[in-house]
């Protein structure tokens, strides 16, 4: 996992996450945006789609995307509810398929 914290490295375990969060002032290092970049990584069933309908990144194993970028277009209002539902759906599908994934 990569966190939006300036200078942080990849996180591979909960222990690493706890250590990072205990040693960083997130008020100074956290990088957040208030925009929703919708449709920059659209989902679909074609080769041109960045992710499939389960949020899995095309051409990669064990990489899932569940943010506004996978929405097919700008929905015209705050996408927070839609993103939260889709993230829940992606997590549920990942858990269901976990036994079939490498290392699962």
Protein backbone atom coordinates (compact mmCIF):
# COMPACT_ATOMS: atom_id res chain seq x y z
CA UNK A 1 0.00 0.00 0.00
CA UNK A 2 1.15 3.52 -0.74
CA UNK A 3 -0.03 6.32 1.51
CA UNK A 4 -0.41 9.98 0.50
CA UNK A 5 2.37 10.97 2.89
CA UNK A 6 5.33 12.89 1.45
CA UNK A 7 8.46 10.76 1.41
CA UNK A 8 6.80 7.54 2.57
CA UNK A 9 7.65 4.18 1.04
CA UNK A 10 5.49 1.16 0.25
CA UNK A 11 3.75 -0.45 3.23
CA UNK A 12 3.78 -4.26 3.29
CA UNK A 13 2.33 -5.03 6.74
CA UNK A 14 0.21 -3.61 9.52
CA UNK A 15 3.34 -3.33 11.65
CA UNK A 16 5.00 -1.12 9.02
CA UNK A 17 1.83 0.99 8.83
CA UNK A 18 1.70 1.46 12.60
CA UNK A 19 5.40 2.39 12.70
CA UNK A 20 5.03 4.95 9.91
CA UNK A 21 1.96 6.57 11.44
CA UNK A 22 3.59 6.71 14.88
CA UNK A 23 6.65 8.51 13.51
CA UNK A 24 5.23 11.04 11.07
CA UNK A 25 3.40 14.32 11.63
CA UNK A 26 0.55 13.80 9.18
CA UNK A 27 -0.50 17.45 9.57
CA UNK A 28 2.72 18.44 7.81
CA UNK A 29 3.34 15.46 5.51
CA UNK A 30 -0.13 14.31 4.40
CA UNK A 31 -0.90 15.17 0.77
CA UNK A 32 -4.63 15.28 0.03
CA UNK A 33 -6.69 16.68 -2.81
CA UNK A 34 -10.29 17.78 -2.69
CA UNK A 35 -11.10 16.96 -6.31
CA UNK A 36 -12.56 13.74 -7.64
CA UNK A 37 -10.68 12.75 -10.81
CA UNK A 38 -13.53 10.77 -12.32
CA UNK A 39 -13.13 8.56 -15.38
CA UNK A 40 -9.34 8.82 -15.58
CA UNK A 41 -9.03 5.02 -15.20
CA UNK A 42 -12.42 3.76 -16.46
CA UNK A 43 -13.73 0.28 -15.83
CA UNK A 44 -15.18 -1.97 -18.49
CA UNK A 45 -15.03 -5.29 -20.27
CA UNK A 46 -12.79 -4.26 -23.18
CA UNK A 47 -9.00 -4.33 -23.55
CA UNK A 48 -9.06 -0.52 -23.55
CA UNK A 49 -10.51 -0.51 -20.02
CA UNK A 50 -8.06 0.20 -17.23
CA UNK A 51 -9.90 -2.02 -14.72
CA UNK A 52 -12.52 -4.76 -14.97
CA UNK A 53 -15.93 -4.62 -13.27
CA UNK A 54 -14.38 -5.98 -10.05
CA UNK A 55 -11.85 -3.13 -9.87
CA UNK A 56 -8.88 -5.34 -10.91
CA UNK A 57 -6.21 -3.45 -12.86
CA UNK A 58 -5.92 -4.85 -16.38
CA UNK A 59 -2.76 -6.89 -16.92
CA UNK A 60 -1.79 -7.14 -13.24
CA UNK A 61 -2.48 -9.55 -10.40
CA UNK A 62 -3.59 -8.38 -6.97
CA UNK A 63 -3.92 -4.69 -7.86
CA UNK A 64 -7.40 -3.29 -7.38
CA UNK A 65 -8.61 0.29 -7.77
CA UNK A 66 -11.68 1.58 -5.95
CA UNK A 67 -11.80 5.36 -6.23
CA UNK A 68 -13.45 7.99 -8.43
CA UNK A 69 -11.05 7.27 -11.29
CA UNK A 70 -12.92 4.07 -12.21
CA UNK A 71 -16.30 5.76 -12.60
CA UNK A 72 -17.26 5.73 -16.29
CA UNK A 73 -17.89 9.49 -16.37
CA UNK A 74 -18.48 12.51 -14.15
CA UNK A 75 -21.70 11.74 -12.26
CA UNK A 76 -22.50 15.42 -11.75
CA UNK A 77 -22.47 15.43 -7.96
CA UNK A 78 -20.29 14.31 -5.08
CA UNK A 79 -19.31 10.69 -5.78
CA UNK A 80 -18.55 9.82 -2.14
CA UNK A 81 -21.46 7.38 -1.69
CA UNK A 82 -20.79 5.70 -5.03
CA UNK A 83 -17.07 5.35 -4.26
CA UNK A 84 -17.76 3.95 -0.79
CA UNK A 85 -20.18 1.37 -2.21
CA UNK A 86 -17.77 0.38 -4.99
CA UNK A 87 -14.85 0.08 -2.54
CA UNK A 88 -17.01 -2.21 -0.39
CA UNK A 89 -17.93 -4.26 -3.48
CA UNK A 90 -14.28 -4.56 -4.59
CA UNK A 91 -13.20 -5.65 -1.11
CA UNK A 92 -15.99 -8.24 -0.97
CA UNK A 93 -15.03 -9.66 -4.39
CA UNK A 94 -11.35 -9.73 -3.40
CA UNK A 95 -12.20 -11.71 -0.26
CA UNK A 96 -14.38 -14.13 -2.28
CA UNK A 97 -11.61 -14.76 -4.83
CA UNK A 98 -8.72 -14.67 -2.35
CA UNK A 99 -8.41 -18.47 -2.27
CA UNK A 100 -7.77 -18.53 -6.02
CA UNK A 101 -5.15 -15.77 -6.04
CA UNK A 102 -1.42 -16.47 -5.88
CA UNK A 103 -0.45 -16.71 -2.22
CA UNK A 104 -4.13 -16.74 -1.18
